[in-house]
Amino acid sequence: MAANAKSKLIWLASLAILFVLVFCAGFAFFYTRQQQSAADARRGVGSTLPHAELVDEANQVLPDAALHNGRLILVFVAPDCGACEAEAKFLQPVVKQRSDVPFYGVVSFGEQATALRAAQAEFPFKVFYDRNFHLAGQLGIKRVPIKLYIENGVIKKAWGGATTDAAKQAEFVSWLEKL
């Protein structure tokens, strides 16, 4: 009888150790993805915005001068992205507060016409397609949403991930008010 109880105890201890290991591995994976998203956003801060090939639904190219003169915010998004939908809801009222600072959406994934139509329906600002993943590729952006604040062609500030946390929303709105 003691041998049977001992084997059950060993089996339960092994199961508990396995559970702890799986939990720790999952936490490490999630934390690493969050850190990578933030690192992706910060990667270009302080550098000049590279040449872009952004086109609208009429296949008209947005001139580089529009991106290199004055202040603007680029929001990198993707169709069928839950985090991007959350970002769109957050940005709806925010964009109206600062109509003097242009916001442009940048879609780098999916079929051009379909992706533009989907993004344009969600976001309260003009959305462009990043032809051939040109701009996002040069910036090393692999995850969305990411917001970049550009001033006279220089990336001054970046935010990675959806702004869903109330404190981060307040921080972004406060920053935008002071801009």
Protein backbone atom coordinates (compact mmCIF):
# COMPACT_ATOMS: atom_id res chain seq x y z
CA MET A 1 0.00 0.00 0.00
CA ALA A 2 2.84 2.41 0.83
CA ALA A 3 4.43 1.82 -2.58
CA ASN A 4 1.14 2.72 -4.30
CA ALA A 5 0.82 5.96 -2.28
CA LYS A 6 4.45 6.79 -3.01
CA SER A 7 3.96 6.32 -6.77
CA LYS A 8 0.83 8.53 -6.68
CA LEU A 9 2.78 11.21 -4.83
CA ILE A 10 5.59 11.05 -7.40
CA TRP A 11 3.05 11.23 -10.23
CA LEU A 12 1.32 14.28 -8.67
CA ALA A 13 4.66 16.00 -8.02
CA SER A 14 5.69 15.38 -11.64
CA LEU A 15 2.39 16.77 -12.87
CA ALA A 16 2.79 19.87 -10.68
CA ILE A 17 6.33 20.44 -11.99
CA LEU A 18 5.12 20.05 -15.57
CA PHE A 19 2.31 22.56 -14.94
CA VAL A 20 4.75 25.10 -13.48
CA LEU A 21 7.11 24.67 -16.42
CA VAL A 22 4.33 25.15 -18.98
CA PHE A 23 3.05 28.22 -17.11
CA CYS A 24 6.53 29.77 -16.95
CA ALA A 25 7.19 29.07 -20.63
CA GLY A 26 3.85 30.66 -21.59
CA PHE A 27 4.57 33.72 -19.48
CA ALA A 28 8.05 34.09 -20.97
CA PHE A 29 6.63 33.79 -24.50
CA PHE A 30 3.95 36.44 -23.86
CA TYR A 31 6.41 38.81 -22.17
CA THR A 32 8.93 38.42 -25.01
CA ARG A 33 6.25 39.21 -27.63
CA GLN A 34 5.20 42.34 -25.73
CA GLN A 35 8.81 43.50 -25.43
CA GLN A 36 9.43 42.80 -29.13
CA SER A 37 6.39 44.87 -30.11
CA ALA A 38 7.67 47.80 -28.06
CA ALA A 39 11.16 47.37 -29.52
CA ASP A 40 9.72 47.29 -33.06
CA ALA A 41 8.02 50.61 -32.39
CA ARG A 42 11.14 52.29 -30.92
CA ARG A 43 13.53 51.01 -33.57
CA GLY A 44 13.39 54.06 -35.85
CA VAL A 45 13.08 56.87 -33.25
CA GLY A 46 15.55 59.64 -34.03
CA SER A 47 16.09 58.58 -37.63
CA THR A 48 14.81 60.08 -40.85
CA LEU A 49 11.69 58.49 -42.25
CA PRO A 50 12.77 56.47 -45.30
CA HIS A 51 11.27 56.93 -48.75
CA ALA A 52 7.73 55.57 -48.85
CA GLU A 53 5.54 54.13 -51.58
CA LEU A 54 2.12 54.78 -50.07
CA VAL A 55 -0.88 54.65 -52.40
CA ASP A 56 -4.56 55.40 -51.84
CA GLU A 57 -7.63 53.58 -53.15
CA ALA A 58 -7.26 55.35 -56.52
CA ASN A 59 -3.63 54.10 -56.70
CA GLN A 60 -2.36 57.69 -56.31
CA VAL A 61 1.01 57.93 -54.57
CA LEU A 62 1.26 60.08 -51.44
CA PRO A 63 4.19 62.42 -52.15
CA ASP A 64 7.16 62.06 -49.82
CA ALA A 65 6.91 65.81 -49.20
CA ALA A 66 3.63 65.16 -47.34
CA LEU A 67 5.54 62.88 -44.98
CA HIS A 68 8.67 65.01 -44.62
CA ASN A 69 7.18 68.48 -44.07
CA GLY A 70 5.47 69.39 -40.83
CA ARG A 71 4.02 67.10 -38.18
CA LEU A 72 1.98 63.94 -38.64
CA ILE A 73 1.23 60.60 -37.07
CA LEU A 74 1.45 57.36 -39.03
CA VAL A 75 -0.63 54.46 -37.71
CA PHE A 76 0.44 51.05 -39.08
CA VAL A 77 -2.55 48.68 -39.14
CA ALA A 78 -3.76 45.47 -40.78
CA PRO A 79 -7.19 44.20 -41.82
CA ASP A 80 -8.85 41.67 -39.51
CA CYS A 81 -6.60 42.68 -36.60
CA GLY A 82 -8.38 42.80 -33.25
CA ALA A 83 -5.77 45.10 -31.72
CA CYS A 84 -6.12 47.44 -34.72
CA GLU A 85 -9.90 47.54 -34.22
CA ALA A 86 -9.34 48.50 -30.57
CA GLU A 87 -6.89 51.20 -31.71
CA ALA A 88 -9.47 52.51 -34.20
CA LYS A 89 -12.07 52.87 -31.44
CA PHE A 90 -9.58 54.71 -29.24
CA LEU A 91 -8.49 57.05 -32.06
CA GLN A 92 -12.02 58.00 -33.22
CA PRO A 93 -12.44 60.90 -30.75
CA VAL A 94 -8.71 61.60 -30.41
CA VAL A 95 -8.23 62.50 -34.08
CA LYS A 96 -11.04 65.07 -33.88
CA GLN A 97 -9.28 66.87 -31.00
CA ARG A 98 -6.22 67.67 -33.10
CA SER A 99 -7.37 68.24 -36.66
CA ASP A 100 -4.18 70.30 -37.18
CA VAL A 101 -2.03 67.15 -36.85
CA PRO A 102 -2.67 64.80 -39.78
CA PHE A 103 -3.08 61.10 -39.01
CA TYR A 104 -2.45 58.65 -41.84
CA GLY A 105 -3.13 54.94 -41.69
CA VAL A 106 -0.63 52.59 -43.32
CA VAL A 107 -1.70 49.10 -44.36
CA SER A 108 1.18 46.83 -45.31
CA PHE A 109 -0.56 43.44 -45.41
CA GLY A 110 -3.21 41.84 -47.58
CA GLU A 111 -4.56 42.47 -51.04
CA GLN A 112 -4.38 46.22 -51.69
CA ALA A 113 -8.00 47.09 -52.58
CA THR A 114 -9.54 44.82 -49.95
CA ALA A 115 -7.13 45.91 -47.20
CA LEU A 116 -7.65 49.60 -47.95
CA ARG A 117 -11.43 49.26 -48.01
CA ALA A 118 -11.46 47.41 -44.67
CA ALA A 119 -9.09 49.85 -42.97
CA GLN A 120 -10.81 52.93 -44.41
CA ALA A 121 -14.11 51.71 -42.95
CA GLU A 122 -12.60 51.50 -39.45
CA PHE A 123 -10.26 54.46 -39.12
CA PRO A 124 -11.25 58.13 -38.92
CA PHE A 125 -8.41 59.28 -41.19
CA LYS A 126 -7.00 58.64 -44.66
CA VAL A 127 -5.47 55.18 -45.07
CA PHE A 128 -2.74 54.29 -47.56
CA TYR A 129 -1.38 50.98 -48.77
CA ASP A 130 2.34 50.38 -48.28
CA ARG A 131 3.18 49.11 -51.74
CA ASN A 132 5.51 46.09 -51.64
CA PHE A 133 5.85 46.41 -47.83
CA HIS A 134 8.30 49.20 -48.68
CA LEU A 135 8.02 51.53 -45.67
CA ALA A 136 7.18 48.96 -43.00
CA GLY A 137 9.99 46.74 -44.28
CA GLN A 138 12.58 49.52 -44.09
CA LEU A 139 11.42 50.38 -40.58
CA GLY A 140 11.41 46.73 -39.49
CA ILE A 141 7.74 46.81 -38.50
CA LYS A 142 6.41 43.27 -38.20
CA ARG A 143 3.56 43.77 -35.72
CA VAL A 144 0.66 46.19 -35.72
CA PRO A 145 -0.73 48.53 -34.58
CA ILE A 146 2.19 50.89 -34.25
CA LYS A 147 1.97 54.68 -34.15
CA LEU A 148 4.88 56.91 -35.24
CA TYR A 149 5.03 60.66 -34.66
CA ILE A 150 6.95 62.31 -37.52
CA GLU A 151 8.22 65.88 -37.43
CA ASN A 152 9.81 67.29 -40.60
CA GLY A 153 10.69 63.79 -41.79
CA VAL A 154 12.25 62.63 -38.51
CA ILE A 155 10.66 59.92 -36.35
CA LYS A 156 10.34 61.60 -32.95
CA LYS A 157 8.19 59.17 -30.97
CA ALA A 158 6.73 55.69 -31.34
CA TRP A 159 4.08 53.57 -29.63
CA GLY A 160 3.72 49.82 -30.10
CA GLY A 161 0.55 47.83 -29.61
CA ALA A 162 -3.05 48.90 -29.15
CA THR A 163 -3.70 51.73 -26.71
CA THR A 164 -6.32 49.88 -24.66
CA ASP A 165 -5.09 50.57 -21.13
CA ALA A 166 -6.78 53.66 -19.61
CA ALA A 167 -3.47 55.02 -18.30
CA LYS A 168 -1.80 54.69 -21.72
CA GLN A 169 -4.81 56.30 -23.39
CA ALA A 170 -4.63 59.25 -21.00
CA GLU A 171 -0.87 59.50 -21.54
CA PHE A 172 -1.26 59.60 -25.35
CA VAL A 173 -4.10 62.16 -25.20
CA SER A 174 -2.07 64.34 -22.81
CA TRP A 175 0.98 64.13 -25.08
CA LEU A 176 -1.14 65.03 -28.11
CA GLU A 177 -2.68 68.03 -26.31
CA LYS A 178 0.80 69.39 -25.50
CA LEU A 179 2.06 68.89 -29.05
